[in-house]
């Protein structure tokens, strides 16, 4: 795909979602739905707790990914 067609597809997708303002509004709603700043702090604590005691970087990454996947589904 060339740059021109990608740009056209991106603009089309933006228009479908109400432009930049629509996407920003959706992001704000999702942020508040997940608990706002306190929700983010809680998620970060859960990630930190899940990675404690893990020895390898790979194990830590897997544990963090599991927590984040769970959070994304709620």
N, C-alpha and C. Protein backbone atom coordinates (compact mmCIF):
# COMPACT_ATOMS: atom_id res chain seq x y z
N UNK A 1 0.84 -1.17 0.00
CA UNK A 1 0.00 0.00 0.00
C UNK A 1 0.88 1.24 0.00
N UNK A 2 0.50 2.20 -0.77
CA UNK A 2 1.30 3.42 -0.81
C UNK A 2 0.79 4.43 0.22
N UNK A 3 1.57 5.45 0.42
CA UNK A 3 1.27 6.45 1.44
C UNK A 3 -0.05 7.16 1.17
N UNK A 4 -0.34 7.43 -0.09
CA UNK A 4 -1.56 8.15 -0.44
C UNK A 4 -2.80 7.34 -0.06
N UNK A 5 -2.79 6.05 -0.33
CA UNK A 5 -3.96 5.24 0.00
C UNK A 5 -4.08 5.05 1.52
N UNK A 6 -2.95 4.96 2.21
CA UNK A 6 -3.00 4.87 3.67
C UNK A 6 -3.58 6.14 4.27
N UNK A 7 -3.17 7.28 3.75
CA UNK A 7 -3.68 8.56 4.23
C UNK A 7 -5.19 8.63 4.01
N UNK A 8 -5.63 8.19 2.86
CA UNK A 8 -7.05 8.22 2.52
C UNK A 8 -7.84 7.30 3.47
N UNK A 9 -7.30 6.12 3.74
CA UNK A 9 -7.98 5.19 4.66
C UNK A 9 -8.02 5.75 6.08
N UNK A 10 -6.93 6.39 6.51
CA UNK A 10 -6.89 6.97 7.85
C UNK A 10 -7.92 8.08 7.98
N UNK A 11 -8.02 8.93 6.97
CA UNK A 11 -8.99 10.02 7.00
C UNK A 11 -10.41 9.47 7.02
N UNK A 12 -10.65 8.45 6.24
CA UNK A 12 -11.97 7.82 6.21
C UNK A 12 -12.33 7.26 7.58
N UNK A 13 -11.39 6.60 8.22
CA UNK A 13 -11.62 6.03 9.55
C UNK A 13 -11.87 7.13 10.57
N UNK A 14 -11.11 8.20 10.51
CA UNK A 14 -11.33 9.34 11.41
C UNK A 14 -12.73 9.90 11.22
N UNK A 15 -13.15 10.07 9.98
CA UNK A 15 -14.47 10.62 9.70
C UNK A 15 -15.57 9.71 10.25
N UNK A 16 -15.39 8.39 10.14
CA UNK A 16 -16.37 7.43 10.66
C UNK A 16 -16.53 7.56 12.16
N UNK A 17 -15.46 7.90 12.83
CA UNK A 17 -15.47 7.96 14.29
C UNK A 17 -15.69 9.37 14.84
N UNK A 18 -16.10 10.29 13.99
CA UNK A 18 -16.41 11.64 14.47
C UNK A 18 -15.20 12.56 14.51
N UNK A 19 -14.18 12.26 13.75
CA UNK A 19 -12.99 13.10 13.71
C UNK A 19 -12.16 12.98 14.97
N UNK A 20 -11.19 13.86 15.10
CA UNK A 20 -10.30 13.83 16.26
C UNK A 20 -11.08 14.08 17.55
N UNK A 21 -12.04 14.99 17.50
CA UNK A 21 -12.85 15.28 18.69
C UNK A 21 -13.64 14.06 19.12
N UNK A 22 -14.20 13.33 18.18
CA UNK A 22 -14.96 12.13 18.51
C UNK A 22 -14.09 11.07 19.16
N UNK A 23 -12.90 10.88 18.62
CA UNK A 23 -11.98 9.90 19.19
C UNK A 23 -11.52 10.35 20.58
N UNK A 24 -11.27 11.64 20.75
CA UNK A 24 -10.88 12.16 22.07
C UNK A 24 -12.00 11.96 23.08
N UNK A 25 -13.23 12.22 22.67
CA UNK A 25 -14.37 12.03 23.57
C UNK A 25 -14.52 10.57 23.97
N UNK A 26 -14.35 9.67 23.00
CA UNK A 26 -14.43 8.24 23.29
C UNK A 26 -13.34 7.82 24.27
N UNK A 27 -12.13 8.34 24.06
CA UNK A 27 -11.01 8.01 24.95
C UNK A 27 -11.28 8.51 26.37
N UNK A 28 -11.84 9.71 26.50
CA UNK A 28 -12.16 10.25 27.82
C UNK A 28 -13.22 9.40 28.51
N UNK A 29 -14.25 8.97 27.76
CA UNK A 29 -15.29 8.12 28.34
C UNK A 29 -14.69 6.80 28.84
N UNK A 30 -13.83 6.21 28.03
CA UNK A 30 -13.21 4.94 28.41
C UNK A 30 -12.31 5.11 29.64
N UNK A 31 -11.57 6.21 29.68
CA UNK A 31 -10.71 6.53 30.81
C UNK A 31 -11.54 6.61 32.09
N UNK A 32 -12.65 7.31 32.03
CA UNK A 32 -13.51 7.45 33.21
C UNK A 32 -14.19 6.13 33.56
N UNK A 33 -14.57 5.34 32.54
CA UNK A 33 -15.22 4.06 32.78
C UNK A 33 -14.28 3.12 33.55
N UNK A 34 -12.99 3.25 33.28
CA UNK A 34 -12.01 2.39 33.94
C UNK A 34 -11.49 2.95 35.25
N UNK A 35 -12.09 4.03 35.72
CA UNK A 35 -11.74 4.53 37.05
C UNK A 35 -10.83 5.75 37.04
N UNK A 36 -10.61 6.36 35.90
CA UNK A 36 -9.80 7.56 35.83
C UNK A 36 -8.38 7.34 36.34
N UNK A 37 -7.84 8.34 36.98
CA UNK A 37 -6.47 8.29 37.47
C UNK A 37 -6.29 7.20 38.52
N UNK A 38 -7.27 7.06 39.38
CA UNK A 38 -7.17 6.02 40.43
C UNK A 38 -7.18 4.63 39.81
N UNK A 39 -7.94 4.46 38.75
CA UNK A 39 -7.95 3.17 38.05
C UNK A 39 -6.61 2.85 37.45
N UNK A 40 -5.96 3.86 36.88
CA UNK A 40 -4.62 3.65 36.32
C UNK A 40 -3.61 3.29 37.41
N UNK A 41 -3.72 3.96 38.54
CA UNK A 41 -2.81 3.65 39.65
C UNK A 41 -3.02 2.22 40.14
N UNK A 42 -4.27 1.80 40.21
CA UNK A 42 -4.58 0.44 40.64
C UNK A 42 -4.02 -0.58 39.65
N UNK A 43 -4.20 -0.31 38.37
CA UNK A 43 -3.68 -1.21 37.34
C UNK A 43 -2.16 -1.30 37.45
N UNK A 44 -1.50 -0.17 37.63
CA UNK A 44 -0.04 -0.16 37.75
C UNK A 44 0.40 -0.97 38.97
N UNK A 45 -0.34 -0.86 40.07
CA UNK A 45 -0.01 -1.63 41.27
C UNK A 45 -0.18 -3.12 41.00
N UNK A 46 -1.24 -3.49 40.30
CA UNK A 46 -1.46 -4.91 39.97
C UNK A 46 -0.33 -5.46 39.10
N UNK A 47 0.12 -4.64 38.15
CA UNK A 47 1.23 -5.07 37.29
C UNK A 47 2.50 -5.24 38.12
N UNK A 48 2.77 -4.28 38.99
CA UNK A 48 3.96 -4.36 39.83
C UNK A 48 3.91 -5.59 40.74
N UNK A 49 2.74 -5.85 41.33
CA UNK A 49 2.59 -7.01 42.21
C UNK A 49 2.78 -8.32 41.45
N UNK A 50 2.26 -8.36 40.21
CA UNK A 50 2.36 -9.59 39.41
C UNK A 50 3.79 -9.90 39.01
N UNK A 51 4.62 -8.88 38.89
CA UNK A 51 5.99 -9.10 38.43
C UNK A 51 6.98 -9.32 39.57
N UNK A 52 6.55 -9.08 40.80
CA UNK A 52 7.45 -9.30 41.95
C UNK A 52 7.79 -10.77 42.07
N UNK A 53 9.03 -11.04 42.34
CA UNK A 53 9.47 -12.40 42.56
C UNK A 53 9.77 -13.19 41.30
N UNK A 54 9.43 -12.64 40.16
CA UNK A 54 9.74 -13.33 38.90
C UNK A 54 11.22 -13.13 38.63
N UNK A 55 11.87 -14.18 38.15
CA UNK A 55 13.32 -14.10 37.96
C UNK A 55 13.71 -13.58 36.59
N UNK A 56 13.09 -14.08 35.56
CA UNK A 56 13.53 -13.65 34.22
C UNK A 56 12.67 -12.50 33.70
N UNK A 57 13.23 -11.75 32.80
CA UNK A 57 12.52 -10.63 32.18
C UNK A 57 11.31 -11.16 31.42
N UNK A 58 11.47 -12.32 30.79
CA UNK A 58 10.37 -12.92 30.04
C UNK A 58 9.19 -13.26 30.94
N UNK A 59 9.47 -13.82 32.11
CA UNK A 59 8.40 -14.15 33.07
C UNK A 59 7.70 -12.89 33.56
N UNK A 60 8.47 -11.84 33.80
CA UNK A 60 7.89 -10.57 34.23
C UNK A 60 6.99 -10.00 33.14
N UNK A 61 7.45 -10.07 31.91
CA UNK A 61 6.66 -9.55 30.79
C UNK A 61 5.36 -10.33 30.63
N UNK A 62 5.44 -11.65 30.76
CA UNK A 62 4.22 -12.47 30.64
C UNK A 62 3.23 -12.14 31.75
N UNK A 63 3.73 -12.01 32.96
CA UNK A 63 2.86 -11.69 34.09
C UNK A 63 2.20 -10.33 33.90
N UNK A 64 2.97 -9.35 33.47
CA UNK A 64 2.43 -8.02 33.23
C UNK A 64 1.39 -8.05 32.11
N UNK A 65 1.66 -8.79 31.05
CA UNK A 65 0.73 -8.88 29.93
C UNK A 65 -0.59 -9.51 30.36
N UNK A 66 -0.52 -10.53 31.21
CA UNK A 66 -1.74 -11.17 31.70
C UNK A 66 -2.61 -10.19 32.48
N UNK A 67 -1.98 -9.40 33.34
CA UNK A 67 -2.73 -8.40 34.13
C UNK A 67 -3.35 -7.38 33.19
N UNK A 68 -2.59 -6.90 32.23
CA UNK A 68 -3.11 -5.87 31.33
C UNK A 68 -4.22 -6.42 30.44
N UNK A 69 -4.14 -7.67 30.04
CA UNK A 69 -5.22 -8.26 29.25
C UNK A 69 -6.49 -8.36 30.08
N UNK A 70 -6.35 -8.75 31.34
CA UNK A 70 -7.50 -8.81 32.23
C UNK A 70 -8.15 -7.44 32.39
N UNK A 71 -7.31 -6.43 32.58
CA UNK A 71 -7.81 -5.06 32.76
C UNK A 71 -8.52 -4.57 31.50
N UNK A 72 -8.01 -4.93 30.34
CA UNK A 72 -8.60 -4.49 29.08
C UNK A 72 -9.98 -5.09 28.88
N UNK A 73 -10.21 -6.27 29.43
CA UNK A 73 -11.51 -6.94 29.26
C UNK A 73 -12.58 -6.43 30.19
N UNK A 74 -12.19 -5.76 31.24
CA UNK A 74 -13.23 -5.31 32.19
C UNK A 74 -13.92 -4.06 31.73
